[in-house]
Amino acid sequence: MAEETKQHACLSLYDISIPTFLRGLHTLKHILVTATKHAQVTDISLKEMPSWSLTEDMKPLTFQVQVASNTGKKFIDRLTGTEGPVFKDDETTIEQLIERCQHTIDMLNKVDRNTIDEAHAKNNTINLQLKDKVFNMTPQHYVTKFAVPNFFFHINTAYSILRMKGVPIGKMDYLGGFLTLDA
């Protein structure tokens, strides 16, 4: 037990990012699959579902899924200074959004722990541009103060949109993916 505690006493940047993104994307995929199954047994239109939003001035479900997916992808790009696969953000169906989640999961599963941790050790600066403002951050600050909170915001918003429209999902549908040990 003491050895196990010792091994996990220090979290690396990989530990606080990639597993979190993977678990969140599994959660997102799960709630989208649940929404699809619910639509098949009710009068909910699968065609309309991607355009659902919480309020008229808020981005729709498609945007929430795309940004959650992009957050994981762009984390790797920004941290390593490389350009990974380009996602077109052109999904129009729930099936395409589910595929996008899986595509991002597959990409993140290929990320090498050492690549992330070595990029962090270089102590480079990440220049994050949001609208007309640039934030200069260390990789650790980028992950803990932007990437992970932004990721959770969009997953939670997708969950809330589906829940508001009557999809039978609950707290464990959201938390379940985060509680698994194998993601």
N, C-alpha and C. Protein backbone atom coordinates (compact mmCIF):
# COMPACT_ATOMS: atom_id res chain seq x y z
N MET A 1 0.83 -1.20 0.00
CA MET A 1 0.00 0.00 0.00
C MET A 1 0.87 1.26 0.00
N ALA A 2 1.93 1.26 0.81
CA ALA A 2 2.80 2.43 0.86
C ALA A 2 3.45 2.68 -0.48
N GLU A 3 3.85 1.59 -1.17
CA GLU A 3 4.45 1.73 -2.49
C GLU A 3 3.46 2.31 -3.50
N GLU A 4 2.20 1.86 -3.43
CA GLU A 4 1.17 2.38 -4.33
C GLU A 4 0.96 3.86 -4.09
N THR A 5 0.90 4.29 -2.84
CA THR A 5 0.74 5.69 -2.50
C THR A 5 1.93 6.49 -3.00
N LYS A 6 3.11 5.95 -2.83
CA LYS A 6 4.32 6.63 -3.26
C LYS A 6 4.32 6.83 -4.79
N GLN A 7 3.88 5.82 -5.53
CA GLN A 7 3.86 5.92 -6.99
C GLN A 7 2.90 7.00 -7.48
N HIS A 8 1.84 7.26 -6.75
CA HIS A 8 0.83 8.21 -7.21
C HIS A 8 0.89 9.55 -6.48
N ALA A 9 1.93 9.77 -5.71
CA ALA A 9 2.03 11.00 -4.93
C ALA A 9 2.26 12.21 -5.82
N CYS A 10 2.90 12.02 -6.95
CA CYS A 10 3.22 13.14 -7.83
C CYS A 10 2.53 12.91 -9.17
N LEU A 11 1.62 13.78 -9.50
CA LEU A 11 0.92 13.67 -10.77
C LEU A 11 1.68 14.42 -11.86
N SER A 12 1.82 13.78 -12.98
CA SER A 12 2.46 14.44 -14.11
C SER A 12 1.40 15.19 -14.93
N LEU A 13 1.86 15.98 -15.87
CA LEU A 13 0.93 16.69 -16.74
C LEU A 13 0.09 15.69 -17.54
N TYR A 14 0.70 14.60 -17.94
CA TYR A 14 -0.04 13.55 -18.63
C TYR A 14 -1.17 13.04 -17.73
N ASP A 15 -0.85 12.75 -16.47
CA ASP A 15 -1.84 12.19 -15.54
C ASP A 15 -3.07 13.07 -15.36
N ILE A 16 -2.87 14.38 -15.39
CA ILE A 16 -4.02 15.27 -15.15
C ILE A 16 -4.71 15.71 -16.44
N SER A 17 -4.19 15.27 -17.57
CA SER A 17 -4.80 15.69 -18.83
C SER A 17 -5.38 14.52 -19.63
N ILE A 18 -4.55 13.70 -20.17
CA ILE A 18 -5.01 12.67 -21.11
C ILE A 18 -6.07 11.75 -20.51
N PRO A 19 -5.87 11.17 -19.32
CA PRO A 19 -6.93 10.33 -18.76
C PRO A 19 -8.23 11.10 -18.52
N THR A 20 -8.13 12.36 -18.14
CA THR A 20 -9.32 13.19 -17.94
C THR A 20 -10.06 13.40 -19.26
N PHE A 21 -9.32 13.73 -20.31
CA PHE A 21 -9.95 13.91 -21.62
C PHE A 21 -10.57 12.60 -22.11
N LEU A 22 -9.87 11.50 -21.92
CA LEU A 22 -10.41 10.20 -22.35
C LEU A 22 -11.70 9.86 -21.60
N ARG A 23 -11.68 10.02 -20.31
CA ARG A 23 -12.88 9.69 -19.53
C ARG A 23 -14.04 10.61 -19.90
N GLY A 24 -13.75 11.88 -20.09
CA GLY A 24 -14.81 12.82 -20.47
C GLY A 24 -15.39 12.52 -21.83
N LEU A 25 -14.55 12.13 -22.77
CA LEU A 25 -15.05 11.79 -24.11
C LEU A 25 -15.85 10.50 -24.10
N HIS A 26 -15.46 9.56 -23.24
CA HIS A 26 -16.28 8.35 -23.07
C HIS A 26 -17.65 8.72 -22.50
N THR A 27 -17.66 9.63 -21.54
CA THR A 27 -18.93 10.11 -20.98
C THR A 27 -19.77 10.78 -22.05
N LEU A 28 -19.16 11.66 -22.81
CA LEU A 28 -19.87 12.37 -23.87
C LEU A 28 -20.45 11.39 -24.89
N LYS A 29 -19.65 10.43 -25.30
CA LYS A 29 -20.13 9.42 -26.24
C LYS A 29 -21.30 8.64 -25.64
N HIS A 30 -21.19 8.27 -24.38
CA HIS A 30 -22.26 7.52 -23.70
C HIS A 30 -23.57 8.31 -23.69
N ILE A 31 -23.52 9.59 -23.36
CA ILE A 31 -24.78 10.34 -23.29
C ILE A 31 -25.37 10.57 -24.68
N LEU A 32 -24.51 10.66 -25.70
CA LEU A 32 -25.01 10.79 -27.07
C LEU A 32 -25.66 9.49 -27.55
N VAL A 33 -25.06 8.36 -27.20
CA VAL A 33 -25.64 7.06 -27.54
C VAL A 33 -26.98 6.90 -26.82
N THR A 34 -27.03 7.28 -25.55
CA THR A 34 -28.28 7.21 -24.79
C THR A 34 -29.35 8.09 -25.43
N ALA A 35 -28.96 9.27 -25.89
CA ALA A 35 -29.91 10.17 -26.56
C ALA A 35 -30.44 9.54 -27.85
N THR A 36 -29.57 8.88 -28.58
CA THR A 36 -29.98 8.21 -29.82
C THR A 36 -30.99 7.11 -29.53
N LYS A 37 -30.70 6.29 -28.54
CA LYS A 37 -31.62 5.21 -28.17
C LYS A 37 -32.96 5.77 -27.70
N HIS A 38 -32.91 6.86 -26.94
CA HIS A 38 -34.14 7.48 -26.46
C HIS A 38 -34.98 8.01 -27.63
N ALA A 39 -34.32 8.62 -28.60
CA ALA A 39 -35.03 9.16 -29.76
C ALA A 39 -35.71 8.05 -30.56
N GLN A 40 -35.11 6.88 -30.57
CA GLN A 40 -35.67 5.77 -31.34
C GLN A 40 -36.97 5.23 -30.75
N VAL A 41 -37.21 5.47 -29.46
CA VAL A 41 -38.43 4.95 -28.82
C VAL A 41 -39.41 6.07 -28.43
N THR A 42 -39.10 7.29 -28.82
CA THR A 42 -39.98 8.43 -28.54
C THR A 42 -40.21 9.20 -29.83
N ASP A 43 -40.86 10.33 -29.70
CA ASP A 43 -41.10 11.16 -30.89
C ASP A 43 -40.04 12.24 -31.06
N ILE A 44 -38.90 12.10 -30.40
CA ILE A 44 -37.81 13.07 -30.54
C ILE A 44 -37.14 12.88 -31.90
N SER A 45 -36.88 13.97 -32.57
CA SER A 45 -36.26 13.94 -33.89
C SER A 45 -34.74 13.92 -33.77
N LEU A 46 -34.13 12.86 -34.30
CA LEU A 46 -32.66 12.80 -34.33
C LEU A 46 -32.08 13.90 -35.22
N LYS A 47 -32.83 14.32 -36.22
CA LYS A 47 -32.35 15.38 -37.12
C LYS A 47 -32.25 16.72 -36.40
N GLU A 48 -33.16 16.98 -35.48
CA GLU A 48 -33.17 18.26 -34.76
C GLU A 48 -32.18 18.28 -33.59
N MET A 49 -31.89 17.13 -33.05
CA MET A 49 -31.08 17.04 -31.83
C MET A 49 -29.75 17.80 -31.90
N PRO A 50 -28.98 17.70 -32.99
CA PRO A 50 -27.70 18.42 -33.03
C PRO A 50 -27.83 19.93 -32.89
N SER A 51 -28.99 20.48 -33.25
CA SER A 51 -29.17 21.94 -33.18
C SER A 51 -29.75 22.41 -31.85
N TRP A 52 -30.03 21.50 -30.95
CA TRP A 52 -30.56 21.89 -29.64
C TRP A 52 -29.56 22.75 -28.88
N SER A 53 -30.08 23.70 -28.12
CA SER A 53 -29.24 24.50 -27.23
C SER A 53 -30.05 24.84 -25.98
N LEU A 54 -29.37 25.33 -24.97
CA LEU A 54 -30.06 25.68 -23.73
C LEU A 54 -30.88 26.94 -23.87
N THR A 55 -30.41 27.86 -24.70
CA THR A 55 -31.10 29.12 -24.93
C THR A 55 -30.73 29.61 -26.32
N GLU A 56 -31.52 30.49 -26.88
CA GLU A 56 -31.31 30.93 -28.26
C GLU A 56 -29.94 31.55 -28.51
N ASP A 57 -29.37 32.22 -27.51
CA ASP A 57 -28.09 32.87 -27.73
C ASP A 57 -26.90 31.99 -27.34
N MET A 58 -27.13 30.70 -27.20
CA MET A 58 -26.07 29.77 -26.83
C MET A 58 -25.81 28.81 -27.98
N LYS A 59 -24.57 28.39 -28.13
CA LYS A 59 -24.19 27.47 -29.19
C LYS A 59 -24.88 26.12 -29.00
N PRO A 60 -25.14 25.40 -30.11
CA PRO A 60 -25.89 24.14 -30.05
C PRO A 60 -25.04 22.95 -29.60
N LEU A 61 -25.71 21.82 -29.51
CA LEU A 61 -25.08 20.57 -29.09
C LEU A 61 -23.87 20.24 -29.95
N THR A 62 -23.98 20.43 -31.26
CA THR A 62 -22.84 20.12 -32.14
C THR A 62 -21.59 20.88 -31.70
N PHE A 63 -21.75 22.15 -31.41
CA PHE A 63 -20.62 22.98 -30.99
C PHE A 63 -20.02 22.46 -29.69
N GLN A 64 -20.86 22.07 -28.75
CA GLN A 64 -20.38 21.59 -27.45
C GLN A 64 -19.50 20.35 -27.63
N VAL A 65 -19.95 19.44 -28.48
CA VAL A 65 -19.18 18.21 -28.73
C VAL A 65 -17.88 18.55 -29.47
N GLN A 66 -17.96 19.41 -30.46
CA GLN A 66 -16.78 19.77 -31.23
C GLN A 66 -15.72 20.44 -30.35
N VAL A 67 -16.13 21.33 -29.48
CA VAL A 67 -15.16 22.02 -28.62
C VAL A 67 -14.56 21.06 -27.60
N ALA A 68 -15.36 20.18 -27.03
CA ALA A 68 -14.80 19.19 -26.09
C ALA A 68 -13.76 18.34 -26.81
N SER A 69 -14.07 17.90 -28.01
CA SER A 69 -13.14 17.11 -28.82
C SER A 69 -11.89 17.92 -29.15
N ASN A 70 -12.08 19.14 -29.60
CA ASN A 70 -10.94 20.00 -29.96
C ASN A 70 -10.06 20.33 -28.77
N THR A 71 -10.63 20.40 -27.59
CA THR A 71 -9.83 20.73 -26.40
C THR A 71 -8.77 19.67 -26.18
N GLY A 72 -9.13 18.40 -26.30
CA GLY A 72 -8.15 17.33 -26.16
C GLY A 72 -7.11 17.37 -27.27
N LYS A 73 -7.56 17.56 -28.49
CA LYS A 73 -6.66 17.60 -29.63
C LYS A 73 -5.72 18.80 -29.56
N LYS A 74 -6.27 19.97 -29.30
CA LYS A 74 -5.45 21.19 -29.27
C LYS A 74 -4.49 21.21 -28.09
N PHE A 75 -4.85 20.52 -27.01
CA PHE A 75 -3.92 20.40 -25.88
C PHE A 75 -2.61 19.80 -26.37
N ILE A 76 -2.70 18.72 -27.12
CA ILE A 76 -1.50 18.05 -27.61
C ILE A 76 -0.75 18.97 -28.57
N ASP A 77 -1.47 19.58 -29.49
CA ASP A 77 -0.84 20.49 -30.46
C ASP A 77 -0.11 21.63 -29.76
N ARG A 78 -0.78 22.27 -28.82
CA ARG A 78 -0.19 23.43 -28.14
C ARG A 78 0.99 23.04 -27.26
N LEU A 79 0.87 21.92 -26.59
CA LEU A 79 1.93 21.51 -25.68
C LEU A 79 3.17 21.07 -26.44
N THR A 80 2.99 20.32 -27.51
CA THR A 80 4.14 19.77 -28.24
C THR A 80 4.61 20.67 -29.38
N GLY A 81 3.81 21.67 -29.73
CA GLY A 81 4.18 22.54 -30.83
C GLY A 81 4.03 21.88 -32.19
N THR A 82 3.23 20.83 -32.25
CA THR A 82 2.99 20.11 -33.50
C THR A 82 1.56 20.35 -33.96
N GLU A 83 1.29 19.95 -35.18
CA GLU A 83 -0.07 20.06 -35.71
C GLU A 83 -0.59 18.66 -35.95
N GLY A 84 -1.58 18.27 -35.19
CA GLY A 84 -2.18 16.95 -35.33
C GLY A 84 -3.24 16.94 -36.40
N PRO A 85 -4.05 15.90 -36.42
CA PRO A 85 -5.11 15.81 -37.42
C PRO A 85 -6.06 17.01 -37.34
N VAL A 86 -6.58 17.40 -38.48
CA VAL A 86 -7.53 18.51 -38.54
C VAL A 86 -8.94 17.94 -38.50
N PHE A 87 -9.74 18.46 -37.60
CA PHE A 87 -11.15 18.09 -37.52
C PHE A 87 -11.93 19.24 -38.14
N LYS A 88 -12.77 18.94 -39.10
CA LYS A 88 -13.45 19.98 -39.88
C LYS A 88 -14.58 20.70 -39.15
N ASP A 89 -15.05 20.17 -38.05
CA ASP A 89 -16.20 20.77 -37.34
C ASP A 89 -17.41 20.89 -38.26
N ASP A 90 -17.67 19.84 -39.02
CA ASP A 90 -18.79 19.87 -39.96
C ASP A 90 -19.86 18.81 -39.67
N GLU A 91 -19.85 18.27 -38.48
CA GLU A 91 -20.83 17.25 -38.13
C GLU A 91 -22.24 17.85 -38.09
N THR A 92 -23.20 17.09 -38.61
CA THR A 92 -24.59 17.56 -38.61
C THR A 92 -25.55 16.54 -38.02
N THR A 93 -25.05 15.35 -37.69
CA THR A 93 -25.92 14.32 -37.12
C THR A 93 -25.35 13.81 -35.80
N ILE A 94 -26.20 13.21 -35.01
CA ILE A 94 -25.75 12.62 -33.74
C ILE A 94 -24.75 11.50 -34.02
N GLU A 95 -25.01 10.71 -35.05
CA GLU A 95 -24.09 9.63 -35.40
C GLU A 95 -22.69 10.18 -35.69
N GLN A 96 -22.62 11.28 -36.40
CA GLN A 96 -21.32 11.90 -36.70
C GLN A 96 -20.66 12.43 -35.43
N LEU A 97 -21.44 12.95 -34.51
CA LEU A 97 -20.88 13.43 -33.25
C LEU A 97 -20.33 12.27 -32.42
N ILE A 98 -21.04 11.15 -32.43
CA ILE A 98 -20.55 9.95 -31.73
C ILE A 98 -19.24 9.48 -32.37
N GLU A 99 -19.19 9.47 -33.69
CA GLU A 99 -17.96 9.09 -34.41
C GLU A 99 -16.82 10.03 -34.07
N ARG A 100 -17.13 11.30 -33.95
CA ARG A 100 -16.09 12.28 -33.61
C ARG A 100 -15.52 12.00 -32.23
N CYS A 101 -16.39 11.71 -31.28
CA CYS A 101 -15.92 11.35 -29.93
C CYS A 101 -14.98 10.16 -30.02
N GLN A 102 -15.39 9.13 -30.76
CA GLN A 102 -14.57 7.92 -30.87
C GLN A 102 -13.25 8.23 -31.57
N HIS A 103 -13.28 9.04 -32.60
CA HIS A 103 -12.06 9.42 -33.32
C HIS A 103 -11.08 10.13 -32.37
N THR A 104 -11.61 11.01 -31.55
CA THR A 104 -10.76 11.73 -30.60
C THR A 104 -10.22 10.79 -29.54
N ILE A 105 -11.06 9.87 -29.06
CA ILE A 105 -10.61 8.86 -28.09
C ILE A 105 -9.47 8.05 -28.69
N ASP A 106 -9.64 7.60 -29.93
CA ASP A 106 -8.59 6.81 -30.59
C ASP A 106 -7.29 7.61 -30.69
N MET A 107 -7.39 8.89 -31.03
CA MET A 107 -6.21 9.73 -31.14
C MET A 107 -5.52 9.89 -29.79
N LEU A 108 -6.30 10.16 -28.74
CA LEU A 108 -5.72 10.36 -27.41
C LEU A 108 -5.12 9.08 -26.85
N ASN A 109 -5.68 7.94 -27.21
CA ASN A 109 -5.13 6.66 -26.75
C ASN A 109 -3.74 6.40 -27.32
N LYS A 110 -3.38 7.07 -28.40
CA LYS A 110 -2.07 6.89 -29.03
C LYS A 110 -1.02 7.85 -28.46
N VAL A 111 -1.43 8.78 -27.63
CA VAL A 111 -0.50 9.76 -27.09
C VAL A 111 0.47 9.09 -26.12
N ASP A 112 1.73 9.33 -26.34
CA ASP A 112 2.77 8.76 -25.49
C ASP A 112 2.96 9.63 -24.25
N ARG A 113 2.92 8.99 -23.10
CA ARG A 113 3.11 9.69 -21.82
C ARG A 113 4.39 10.53 -21.84
N ASN A 114 5.47 9.96 -22.33
CA ASN A 114 6.75 10.68 -22.32
C ASN A 114 6.72 11.93 -23.19
N THR A 115 5.99 11.88 -24.29
CA THR A 115 5.88 13.05 -25.16
C THR A 115 5.27 14.23 -24.40
N ILE A 116 4.22 13.95 -23.65
CA ILE A 116 3.56 15.01 -22.88
C ILE A 116 4.45 15.50 -21.76
N ASP A 117 5.00 14.57 -21.00
CA ASP A 117 5.80 14.96 -19.84
C ASP A 117 7.11 15.63 -20.25
N GLU A 118 7.71 15.21 -21.36
CA GLU A 118 8.93 15.86 -21.83
C GLU A 118 8.63 17.27 -22.34
N ALA A 119 7.52 17.45 -23.02
CA ALA A 119 7.14 18.79 -23.48
C ALA A 119 6.92 19.71 -22.29
N HIS A 120 6.33 19.17 -21.23
CA HIS A 120 6.11 19.95 -20.01
C HIS A 120 7.44 20.31 -19.37
N ALA A 121 8.39 19.37 -19.36
CA ALA A 121 9.69 19.61 -18.73
C ALA A 121 10.48 20.72 -19.44
N LYS A 122 10.20 20.94 -20.71
CA LYS A 122 10.89 22.01 -21.45
C LYS A 122 10.46 23.39 -20.96
N ASN A 123 9.38 23.42 -20.20
CA ASN A 123 8.89 24.66 -19.60
C ASN A 123 8.63 25.75 -20.65
N ASN A 124 8.09 25.33 -21.79
CA ASN A 124 7.76 26.30 -22.82
C ASN A 124 6.51 27.10 -22.43
N THR A 125 6.27 28.15 -23.16
CA THR A 125 5.10 28.99 -22.90
C THR A 125 4.05 28.70 -23.97
N ILE A 126 2.82 28.57 -23.52
CA ILE A 126 1.70 28.39 -24.44
C ILE A 126 1.00 29.74 -24.56
N ASN A 127 0.87 30.20 -25.79
CA ASN A 127 0.19 31.47 -26.06
C ASN A 127 -1.23 31.14 -26.51
N LEU A 128 -2.16 31.35 -25.63
CA LEU A 128 -3.56 31.03 -25.90
C LEU A 128 -4.29 32.30 -26.28
N GLN A 129 -4.79 32.35 -27.51
CA GLN A 129 -5.55 33.51 -27.95
C GLN A 129 -7.03 33.22 -27.85
N LEU A 130 -7.73 34.04 -27.09
CA LEU A 130 -9.18 33.96 -26.94
C LEU A 130 -9.75 35.30 -27.35
N LYS A 131 -10.38 35.30 -28.51
CA LYS A 131 -10.90 36.53 -29.11
C LYS A 131 -9.76 37.51 -29.29
N ASP A 132 -9.79 38.67 -28.65
CA ASP A 132 -8.75 39.67 -28.88
C ASP A 132 -7.70 39.71 -27.78
N LYS A 133 -7.65 38.71 -26.93
CA LYS A 133 -6.70 38.70 -25.82
C LYS A 133 -5.83 37.45 -25.89
N VAL A 134 -4.54 37.63 -25.59
CA VAL A 134 -3.60 36.51 -25.57
C VAL A 134 -3.19 36.26 -24.13
N PHE A 135 -3.25 35.00 -23.74
CA PHE A 135 -2.83 34.58 -22.41
C PHE A 135 -1.57 33.74 -22.56
N ASN A 136 -0.50 34.16 -21.90
CA ASN A 136 0.75 33.42 -21.90
C ASN A 136 0.79 32.56 -20.65
N MET A 137 0.89 31.25 -20.84
CA MET A 137 0.79 30.33 -19.72
C MET A 137 1.86 29.26 -19.78
N THR A 138 2.20 28.74 -18.62
CA THR A 138 3.02 27.54 -18.59
C THR A 138 2.11 26.38 -18.99
N PRO A 139 2.67 25.27 -19.41
CA PRO A 139 1.83 24.11 -19.74
C PRO A 139 0.94 23.69 -18.58
N GLN A 140 1.46 23.72 -17.37
CA GLN A 140 0.66 23.33 -16.20
C GLN A 140 -0.52 24.27 -16.01
N HIS A 141 -0.28 25.56 -16.13
CA HIS A 141 -1.38 26.51 -15.99
C HIS A 141 -2.38 26.36 -17.13
N TYR A 142 -1.89 26.10 -18.34
CA TYR A 142 -2.80 25.91 -19.48
C TYR A 142 -3.76 24.75 -19.20
N VAL A 143 -3.22 23.64 -18.71
CA VAL A 143 -4.06 22.47 -18.43
C VAL A 143 -5.03 22.73 -17.30
N THR A 144 -4.52 23.24 -16.17
CA THR A 144 -5.35 23.35 -14.97
C THR A 144 -6.26 24.57 -14.97
N LYS A 145 -5.89 25.62 -15.66
CA LYS A 145 -6.68 26.85 -15.62
C LYS A 145 -7.51 27.10 -16.88
N PHE A 146 -7.22 26.36 -17.96
CA PHE A 146 -8.03 26.54 -19.16
C PHE A 146 -8.53 25.22 -19.74
N ALA A 147 -7.63 24.35 -20.17
CA ALA A 147 -8.04 23.16 -20.94
C ALA A 147 -9.04 22.29 -20.19
N VAL A 148 -8.71 21.88 -18.98
CA VAL A 148 -9.62 21.00 -18.24
C VAL A 148 -10.92 21.72 -17.87
N PRO A 149 -10.88 22.95 -17.33
CA PRO A 149 -12.16 23.62 -17.05
C PRO A 149 -13.01 23.84 -18.31
N ASN A 150 -12.39 24.20 -19.42
CA ASN A 150 -13.12 24.40 -20.67
C ASN A 150 -13.74 23.09 -21.15
N PHE A 151 -12.99 22.02 -21.05
CA PHE A 151 -13.46 20.69 -21.43
C PHE A 151 -14.69 20.31 -20.62
N PHE A 152 -14.62 20.47 -19.30
CA PHE A 152 -15.76 20.15 -18.44
C PHE A 152 -16.97 21.04 -18.74
N PHE A 153 -16.73 22.30 -19.03
CA PHE A 153 -17.83 23.21 -19.36
C PHE A 153 -18.63 22.68 -20.54
N HIS A 154 -17.94 22.27 -21.60
CA HIS A 154 -18.64 21.85 -22.81
C HIS A 154 -19.28 20.47 -22.66
N ILE A 155 -18.66 19.58 -21.91
CA ILE A 155 -19.31 18.28 -21.65
C ILE A 155 -20.56 18.49 -20.80
N ASN A 156 -20.44 19.30 -19.78
CA ASN A 156 -21.58 19.58 -18.91
C ASN A 156 -22.71 20.28 -19.68
N THR A 157 -22.35 21.18 -20.58
CA THR A 157 -23.37 21.86 -21.37
C THR A 157 -24.08 20.87 -22.30
N ALA A 158 -23.33 19.97 -22.92
CA ALA A 158 -23.95 18.93 -23.77
C ALA A 158 -24.90 18.08 -22.93
N TYR A 159 -24.45 17.67 -21.75
CA TYR A 159 -25.29 16.89 -20.84
C TYR A 159 -26.57 17.68 -20.51
N SER A 160 -26.41 18.94 -20.17
CA SER A 160 -27.55 19.78 -19.77
C SER A 160 -28.55 19.96 -20.91
N ILE A 161 -28.05 20.13 -22.12
CA ILE A 161 -28.94 20.27 -23.28
C ILE A 161 -29.79 19.01 -23.43
N LEU A 162 -29.15 17.86 -23.38
CA LEU A 162 -29.88 16.59 -23.55
C LEU A 162 -30.86 16.37 -22.41
N ARG A 163 -30.43 16.67 -21.21
CA ARG A 163 -31.29 16.48 -20.03
C ARG A 163 -32.52 17.40 -20.11
N MET A 164 -32.28 18.65 -20.52
CA MET A 164 -33.37 19.62 -20.62
C MET A 164 -34.42 19.17 -21.64
N LYS A 165 -33.98 18.47 -22.68
CA LYS A 165 -34.88 18.02 -23.73
C LYS A 165 -35.52 16.66 -23.42
N GLY A 166 -35.28 16.15 -22.21
CA GLY A 166 -35.97 14.93 -21.79
C GLY A 166 -35.23 13.63 -21.96
N VAL A 167 -33.98 13.68 -22.38
CA VAL A 167 -33.21 12.45 -22.50
C VAL A 167 -32.99 11.91 -21.08
N PRO A 168 -33.28 10.63 -20.86
CA PRO A 168 -33.20 10.07 -19.50
C PRO A 168 -31.77 9.76 -19.07
N ILE A 169 -31.03 10.80 -18.78
CA ILE A 169 -29.68 10.66 -18.26
C ILE A 169 -29.63 11.31 -16.89
N GLY A 170 -28.77 10.79 -16.05
CA GLY A 170 -28.65 11.31 -14.70
C GLY A 170 -27.19 11.50 -14.31
N LYS A 171 -27.00 11.80 -13.06
CA LYS A 171 -25.67 12.10 -12.55
C LYS A 171 -24.66 10.98 -12.83
N MET A 172 -25.09 9.73 -12.68
CA MET A 172 -24.15 8.64 -12.90
C MET A 172 -23.82 8.45 -14.38
N ASP A 173 -24.69 8.90 -15.27
CA ASP A 173 -24.34 8.88 -16.69
C ASP A 173 -23.19 9.85 -16.95
N TYR A 174 -23.18 10.94 -16.21
CA TYR A 174 -22.11 11.93 -16.33
C TYR A 174 -20.86 11.46 -15.59
N LEU A 175 -21.00 11.07 -14.35
CA LEU A 175 -19.84 10.71 -13.53
C LEU A 175 -19.29 9.32 -13.81
N GLY A 176 -20.13 8.42 -14.32
CA GLY A 176 -19.72 7.03 -14.49
C GLY A 176 -18.43 6.86 -15.26
N GLY A 177 -18.28 7.57 -16.35
CA GLY A 177 -17.07 7.47 -17.15
C GLY A 177 -15.83 7.97 -16.42
N PHE A 178 -16.01 8.87 -15.50
CA PHE A 178 -14.87 9.39 -14.75
C PHE A 178 -14.46 8.46 -13.61
N LEU A 179 -15.39 7.61 -13.19
CA LEU A 179 -15.12 6.72 -12.06
C LEU A 179 -14.49 5.41 -12.48
N THR A 180 -14.45 5.13 -13.77
CA THR A 180 -13.84 3.89 -14.22
C THR A 180 -12.33 3.99 -14.09
N LEU A 181 -11.72 2.87 -13.83
CA LEU A 181 -10.27 2.86 -13.64
C LEU A 181 -9.52 2.54 -14.92
N ASP A 182 -10.22 2.10 -15.95
CA ASP A 182 -9.54 1.65 -17.15
C ASP A 182 -9.53 2.65 -18.30
N ALA A 183 -10.11 3.82 -18.11
CA ALA A 183 -10.15 4.80 -19.20
C ALA A 183 -8.88 5.61 -19.26
